[in-house]
Amino acid sequence: MECLSHGRIIGIDVSRDWLDVHCLPDGQRLRLTNNDGDHAIVAKLAREQEAIVCFEATGGLEWKLWSVLAGVGVETRQVAPA
């Protein structure tokens, strides 16, 4: 199992309609729509915070977000569901 050791992490619960975002260590939370415009917001937030973005495998619902993040150089991790 890979262990993350990084100053800032953004965890995202990805669903068909929503991205529930939680930023660590500051505890900021927000809910965004799962669309191209809000994917860009997540990318901007991650780049500003120099954060790693983690999300569960959700049967493909995460792929567009993942592509946007990778396209702008944001480090990402797909994690197994709990």
C-alpha atoms as a PDB file:
ATOM      1  CA  MET A   1       0.000   0.000   0.000  1.00  0.00           C
ATOM      2  CA  GLU A   2       1.315   3.436  -0.941  1.00  0.00           C
ATOM      3  CA  CYS A   3       1.442   6.008   1.838  1.00  0.00           C
ATOM      4  CA  LEU A   4       0.934   9.719   1.139  1.00  0.00           C
ATOM      5  CA  SER A   5       3.107  12.228   2.909  1.00  0.00           C
ATOM      6  CA  HIS A   6       2.338  15.686   1.615  1.00  0.00           C
ATOM      7  CA  GLY A   7       1.575  19.063   3.137  1.00  0.00           C
ATOM      8  CA  ARG A   8      -1.759  19.622   1.417  1.00  0.00           C
ATOM      9  CA  ILE A   9      -4.309  17.105   0.228  1.00  0.00           C
ATOM     10  CA  ILE A  10      -7.652  17.666  -1.469  1.00  0.00           C
ATOM     11  CA  GLY A  11     -10.018  14.721  -1.111  1.00  0.00           C
ATOM     12  CA  ILE A  12     -13.000  14.543  -3.443  1.00  0.00           C
ATOM     13  CA  ASP A  13     -16.094  12.359  -3.268  1.00  0.00           C
ATOM     14  CA  VAL A  14     -17.090  12.151  -6.942  1.00  0.00           C
ATOM     15  CA  SER A  15     -20.693  11.380  -7.883  1.00  0.00           C
ATOM     16  CA  ARG A  16     -22.658  11.761 -11.111  1.00  0.00           C
ATOM     17  CA  ASP A  17     -23.823  15.275 -10.226  1.00  0.00           C
ATOM     18  CA  TRP A  18     -21.492  16.531  -7.499  1.00  0.00           C
ATOM     19  CA  LEU A  19     -17.904  16.920  -6.358  1.00  0.00           C
ATOM     20  CA  ASP A  20     -17.767  17.084  -2.562  1.00  0.00           C
ATOM     21  CA  VAL A  21     -14.373  18.626  -1.860  1.00  0.00           C
ATOM     22  CA  HIS A  22     -12.469  18.613   1.444  1.00  0.00           C
ATOM     23  CA  CYS A  23      -9.087  20.327   1.803  1.00  0.00           C
ATOM     24  CA  LEU A  24      -6.529  19.272   4.393  1.00  0.00           C
ATOM     25  CA  PRO A  25      -5.058  20.498   6.643  1.00  0.00           C
ATOM     26  CA  ASP A  26      -7.214  23.664   6.673  1.00  0.00           C
ATOM     27  CA  GLY A  27     -10.577  21.856   6.641  1.00  0.00           C
ATOM     28  CA  GLN A  28     -12.127  23.906   3.814  1.00  0.00           C
ATOM     29  CA  ARG A  29     -15.164  22.151   2.301  1.00  0.00           C
ATOM     30  CA  LEU A  30     -17.173  22.904  -0.776  1.00  0.00           C
ATOM     31  CA  ARG A  31     -19.648  21.268  -3.101  1.00  0.00           C
ATOM     32  CA  LEU A  32     -19.240  21.783  -6.816  1.00  0.00           C
ATOM     33  CA  THR A  33     -21.089  20.389  -9.788  1.00  0.00           C
ATOM     34  CA  ASN A  34     -19.410  17.568 -11.692  1.00  0.00           C
ATOM     35  CA  ASN A  35     -18.892  19.503 -14.930  1.00  0.00           C
ATOM     36  CA  ASP A  36     -16.054  20.968 -16.979  1.00  0.00           C
ATOM     37  CA  GLY A  37     -16.313  24.444 -15.458  1.00  0.00           C
ATOM     38  CA  ASP A  38     -16.079  23.198 -11.892  1.00  0.00           C
ATOM     39  CA  HIS A  39     -13.300  20.752 -12.820  1.00  0.00           C
ATOM     40  CA  ALA A  40     -11.309  23.875 -13.744  1.00  0.00           C
ATOM     41  CA  ILE A  41     -12.091  25.362 -10.308  1.00  0.00           C
ATOM     42  CA  VAL A  42     -10.713  22.231  -8.607  1.00  0.00           C
ATOM     43  CA  ALA A  43      -7.592  22.404 -10.780  1.00  0.00           C
ATOM     44  CA  LYS A  44      -7.046  26.060  -9.878  1.00  0.00           C
ATOM     45  CA  LEU A  45      -7.538  25.363  -6.172  1.00  0.00           C
ATOM     46  CA  ALA A  46      -5.109  22.429  -6.273  1.00  0.00           C
ATOM     47  CA  ARG A  47      -2.461  24.439  -8.107  1.00  0.00           C
ATOM     48  CA  GLU A  48      -2.817  27.424  -5.757  1.00  0.00           C
ATOM     49  CA  GLN A  49      -2.444  25.154  -2.712  1.00  0.00           C
ATOM     50  CA  GLU A  50       0.204  22.922  -4.334  1.00  0.00           C
ATOM     51  CA  ALA A  51      -1.987  20.014  -3.231  1.00  0.00           C
ATOM     52  CA  ILE A  52      -2.304  16.388  -4.218  1.00  0.00           C
ATOM     53  CA  VAL A  53      -5.881  15.513  -5.225  1.00  0.00           C
ATOM     54  CA  CYS A  54      -7.274  12.130  -4.139  1.00  0.00           C
ATOM     55  CA  PHE A  55     -10.557  10.520  -5.152  1.00  0.00           C
ATOM     56  CA  GLU A  56     -12.196   7.092  -5.175  1.00  0.00           C
ATOM     57  CA  ALA A  57     -12.654   4.927  -8.194  1.00  0.00           C
ATOM     58  CA  THR A  58     -16.304   5.582  -9.088  1.00  0.00           C
ATOM     59  CA  GLY A  59     -16.846   3.504 -12.200  1.00  0.00           C
ATOM     60  CA  GLY A  60     -15.683   6.189 -14.599  1.00  0.00           C
ATOM     61  CA  LEU A  61     -17.366   9.249 -13.086  1.00  0.00           C
ATOM     62  CA  GLU A  62     -13.931  10.552 -12.075  1.00  0.00           C
ATOM     63  CA  TRP A  63     -12.234  10.255 -15.480  1.00  0.00           C
ATOM     64  CA  LYS A  64     -13.045  13.718 -16.867  1.00  0.00           C
ATOM     65  CA  LEU A  65     -11.927  15.381 -13.635  1.00  0.00           C
ATOM     66  CA  TRP A  66      -8.769  13.267 -13.601  1.00  0.00           C
ATOM     67  CA  SER A  67      -7.996  14.250 -17.192  1.00  0.00           C
ATOM     68  CA  VAL A  68      -8.370  17.975 -16.452  1.00  0.00           C
ATOM     69  CA  LEU A  69      -6.153  17.744 -13.367  1.00  0.00           C
ATOM     70  CA  ALA A  70      -3.459  15.740 -15.144  1.00  0.00           C
ATOM     71  CA  GLY A  71      -3.605  18.153 -18.072  1.00  0.00           C
ATOM     72  CA  VAL A  72      -2.544  21.081 -15.886  1.00  0.00           C
ATOM     73  CA  GLY A  73       0.064  19.134 -13.934  1.00  0.00           C
ATOM     74  CA  VAL A  74      -1.845  18.484 -10.700  1.00  0.00           C
ATOM     75  CA  GLU A  75      -0.628  15.370  -8.891  1.00  0.00           C
ATOM     76  CA  THR A  76      -3.508  12.922  -8.427  1.00  0.00           C
ATOM     77  CA  ARG A  77      -4.163   9.638  -6.668  1.00  0.00           C
ATOM     78  CA  GLN A  78      -7.058   7.278  -7.203  1.00  0.00           C
ATOM     79  CA  VAL A  79      -7.780   5.455  -3.947  1.00  0.00           C
ATOM     80  CA  ALA A  80      -9.740   2.300  -3.266  1.00  0.00           C
ATOM     81  CA  PRO A  81     -13.255   2.785  -1.838  1.00  0.00           C
ATOM     82  CA  ALA A  82     -13.403   2.429   1.937  1.00  0.00           C
END
